[in-house]
Amino acid sequence: MLPTHEDILMILRVSIAFLLGGLVGWERQRVQRPAGLRTHMLVAAGSACFTVASLYGFEGIGTNRDPARLAAQIVTGIGFLGAGAIFRSENAVRGLTTAASIWMVAALGLLAGLGLYWVAAFATLLTWFVLHVLKSAEQYGTQTNRNAGRAEPEDSPEGATGTVRRREK
């Protein structure tokens, strides 16, 4: 039996979720985070599969269907997965951005599964911007703040004299 037009559409939705999750996951993999390319792809595609199953899988069975309930269930389930990515020590909490990116790719998968491709693509672009571009800006701001009170060699026409002065704020 050949796939129907509806089957092709469902396959396209899951494939787009894989792709969009992969774009976000690639960025996380690049900066060596525990949840990287494969995790993000699987979360996005899994969300799309659940969404497609909810939309198309129960037709004609005679059940009360409410596909909107699925979104709430995905958010709850992904919350547990994201919580596993967060680590707390005495001085720091790590993994919050990874947990948020897992949560976001679940939303991307849901959007792709619903056929909201343009919204999913736009949200992927914004997610990449936040993870990649804003990280650079955040690091620059952090580095600038760290250097604000540091001592530096005093400038002199003859070269460094070894004396130290505080930077002006």
Foldseek 3Di string as FASTA:
>chain_A
DDDDPLRVLLVQLLVLLLVLLQLLQCLCVVVPAPRHRVNSSCLLSVLLVLLLCLVPVCPPVPDDGDSVVSVVVSLVVLLVVQVVQWDDDPPDIPSNLVSVSSSLSSVLSNCSSVVVNVVSVVSSVVSCCCSPVVVVVVVVVVVCVVQQFDWDFDDDPVGGPPDIDTDDD
